[in-house]
Amino acid sequence: MTNSERVMDLTEFSVVVEDARAKHLHWFAGAERLAQAGEIESAEKALGLRLHETYRAFLRNFGGGYFGFTNVFSVVPGSEWNVVDRQTKHEIPRDFLSVSDDETGGLYGFRVNSDRMCAPEIYYLYLSGAEEQLERKFDSLFDFVVATGLKRPL
């Protein structure tokens, strides 16, 4: 699913989302509100890292929660989808920030480097007891949402 030649930008992603929303409005019924001023920075402070710009843009422009056939964790305080609560609730490795779950025990998210910055690619992490499996799946958060949430080929 990775294609290092081209990465979708916010403008292209927005067009794809608006096309899907026009055809399937009900796919977005479980979406949460957009991130409000200061919520992204508060989440970053609580997590001790810098979110990748694609995730920041998604939160500002689309919010979080159910998004088509997937979910994206939000920064809305008290939300069931709050990324800070979900990250601290589970025993997730410090070098991984989960931003979505597959609702079967696997997590999608960013690798976090030693400078506590999220890398752009999306990985799939499956935690099974003491065993951990990590695999790169998508070049960006936008590619992940299009492929898993909107069921469109990349």
Protein backbone atom coordinates (compact mmCIF):
# COMPACT_ATOMS: atom_id res chain seq x y z
CA MET A 1 0.00 0.00 0.00
CA THR A 2 3.00 2.27 0.13
CA ASN A 3 3.97 4.28 -2.91
CA SER A 4 7.01 6.42 -2.22
CA GLU A 5 6.65 8.30 -5.53
CA ARG A 6 3.70 10.45 -4.40
CA VAL A 7 2.03 11.39 -1.13
CA MET A 8 -1.49 12.83 -0.99
CA ASP A 9 -1.70 16.41 0.28
CA LEU A 10 -4.51 18.11 2.22
CA THR A 11 -6.09 19.67 -0.87
CA GLU A 12 -6.31 16.37 -2.73
CA PHE A 13 -7.50 14.58 0.39
CA SER A 14 -10.23 17.20 0.95
CA VAL A 15 -11.54 16.68 -2.60
CA VAL A 16 -11.73 12.91 -2.06
CA VAL A 17 -13.51 13.38 1.27
CA GLU A 18 -16.04 15.85 -0.13
CA ASP A 19 -16.78 13.50 -3.02
CA ALA A 20 -17.40 10.63 -0.56
CA ARG A 21 -19.47 12.87 1.71
CA ALA A 22 -21.66 13.98 -1.21
CA LYS A 23 -22.38 10.35 -2.12
CA HIS A 24 -22.46 8.77 1.36
CA LEU A 25 -23.27 11.36 4.01
CA HIS A 26 -24.17 8.62 6.51
CA TRP A 27 -20.53 7.44 6.51
CA PHE A 28 -19.67 10.57 8.49
CA ALA A 29 -22.49 10.46 11.05
CA GLY A 30 -20.09 9.35 13.82
CA ALA A 31 -17.53 12.08 13.23
CA GLU A 32 -16.61 14.38 16.08
CA ARG A 33 -16.21 18.12 15.97
CA LEU A 34 -13.10 19.81 14.65
CA ALA A 35 -10.19 20.43 17.01
CA GLN A 36 -10.53 23.78 18.75
CA ALA A 37 -7.76 26.26 19.43
CA GLY A 38 -5.24 24.85 21.87
CA GLU A 39 -6.52 21.26 21.90
CA ILE A 40 -3.83 19.94 19.56
CA GLU A 41 -1.09 21.64 21.56
CA SER A 42 -2.57 20.33 24.84
CA ALA A 43 -2.58 16.79 23.45
CA GLU A 44 1.02 17.16 22.26
CA LYS A 45 2.07 18.38 25.71
CA ALA A 46 0.26 15.52 27.46
CA LEU A 47 1.80 12.96 25.08
CA GLY A 48 5.25 14.57 25.17
CA LEU A 49 5.62 14.65 21.40
CA ARG A 50 4.92 16.58 18.21
CA LEU A 51 2.06 15.24 16.06
CA HIS A 52 2.77 14.87 12.36
CA GLU A 53 1.42 17.75 10.27
CA THR A 54 -1.02 15.47 8.38
CA TYR A 55 -2.61 14.44 11.67
CA ARG A 56 -2.74 18.05 12.87
CA ALA A 57 -4.38 19.05 9.56
CA PHE A 58 -6.88 16.18 9.80
CA LEU A 59 -7.87 17.21 13.34
CA ARG A 60 -8.28 20.88 12.35
CA ASN A 61 -10.23 20.15 9.16
CA PHE A 62 -12.16 16.94 9.86
CA GLY A 63 -12.13 16.24 13.62
CA GLY A 64 -12.06 12.60 14.62
CA GLY A 65 -14.27 9.65 15.54
CA TYR A 66 -15.84 7.41 12.94
CA PHE A 67 -14.84 8.46 9.46
CA GLY A 68 -16.32 6.22 6.82
CA PHE A 69 -15.29 2.65 7.59
CA THR A 70 -12.51 3.57 9.99
CA ASN A 71 -11.95 5.72 13.04
CA VAL A 72 -9.43 8.43 13.77
CA PHE A 73 -8.61 9.41 17.33
CA SER A 74 -9.40 13.02 18.23
CA VAL A 75 -8.12 15.61 20.68
CA VAL A 76 -11.59 16.41 22.05
CA PRO A 77 -11.31 16.26 25.86
CA GLY A 78 -13.49 13.55 27.40
CA SER A 79 -14.24 11.92 24.05
CA GLU A 80 -14.22 8.14 23.70
CA TRP A 81 -11.83 8.76 20.77
CA ASN A 82 -9.38 11.01 22.65
CA VAL A 83 -5.84 10.14 21.53
CA VAL A 84 -4.26 10.98 24.91
CA ASP A 85 -6.67 8.74 26.83
CA ARG A 86 -6.30 5.90 24.35
CA GLN A 87 -2.52 6.12 24.30
CA THR A 88 -2.20 6.07 28.09
CA LYS A 89 -4.97 3.49 28.65
CA HIS A 90 -3.14 0.74 26.77
CA GLU A 91 0.42 -0.52 27.03
CA ILE A 92 1.57 1.01 23.77
CA PRO A 93 5.31 1.28 23.10
CA ARG A 94 6.71 4.76 23.70
CA ASP A 95 7.96 4.97 20.10
CA PHE A 96 4.46 4.51 18.63
CA LEU A 97 1.47 6.88 18.63
CA SER A 98 -1.81 5.14 17.86
CA VAL A 99 -4.32 7.23 15.91
CA SER A 100 -6.83 4.52 14.94
CA ASP A 101 -7.75 1.00 15.91
CA ASP A 102 -9.11 -1.80 13.78
CA GLU A 103 -11.47 -2.85 16.60
CA THR A 104 -9.89 -6.32 16.64
CA GLY A 105 -6.79 -5.61 18.71
CA GLY A 106 -4.62 -3.85 16.14
CA LEU A 107 -3.62 -0.21 16.05
CA TYR A 108 -2.66 2.13 13.23
CA GLY A 109 -0.34 4.98 13.99
CA PHE A 110 2.91 6.84 13.64
CA ARG A 111 6.41 5.84 14.68
CA VAL A 112 7.86 8.39 17.08
CA ASN A 113 11.55 9.21 16.65
CA SER A 114 14.09 10.00 19.37
CA ASP A 115 13.28 13.73 19.06
CA ARG A 116 9.64 12.84 19.95
CA MET A 117 8.40 13.77 16.46
CA CYS A 118 5.92 11.58 14.58
CA ALA A 119 7.19 10.25 11.25
CA PRO A 120 4.82 10.66 8.26
CA GLU A 121 4.15 6.98 7.54
CA ILE A 122 1.35 4.92 9.08
CA TYR A 123 2.23 1.59 10.66
CA TYR A 124 0.06 -1.26 11.88
CA LEU A 125 0.86 -2.52 15.37
CA TYR A 126 -0.56 -5.74 16.69
CA LEU A 127 0.03 -6.49 20.35
CA SER A 128 -0.57 -10.09 21.32
CA GLY A 129 0.62 -10.82 24.83
CA ALA A 130 4.39 -10.40 24.88
CA GLU A 131 4.58 -10.49 21.08
CA GLU A 132 4.57 -7.27 19.09
CA GLN A 133 4.23 -7.03 15.31
CA LEU A 134 4.84 -3.73 13.54
CA GLU A 135 4.46 -3.24 9.79
CA ARG A 136 4.53 -0.15 7.61
CA LYS A 137 1.23 0.09 5.72
CA PHE A 138 0.69 3.60 4.28
CA ASP A 139 2.79 6.57 3.24
CA SER A 140 0.60 9.04 5.13
CA LEU A 141 -2.46 9.42 7.33
CA PHE A 142 -4.42 10.69 4.33
CA ASP A 143 -3.56 7.54 2.36
CA PHE A 144 -4.64 5.41 5.34
CA VAL A 145 -8.03 7.16 5.65
CA VAL A 146 -8.72 6.99 1.91
CA ALA A 147 -7.87 3.28 1.69
CA THR A 148 -9.48 2.04 4.93
CA GLY A 149 -12.16 4.63 5.63
CA LEU A 150 -13.33 5.59 2.18
CA LYS A 151 -12.48 2.26 0.52
CA ARG A 152 -10.84 3.91 -2.47
CA PRO A 153 -7.73 2.57 -4.15
CA LEU A 154 -4.64 4.74 -3.88
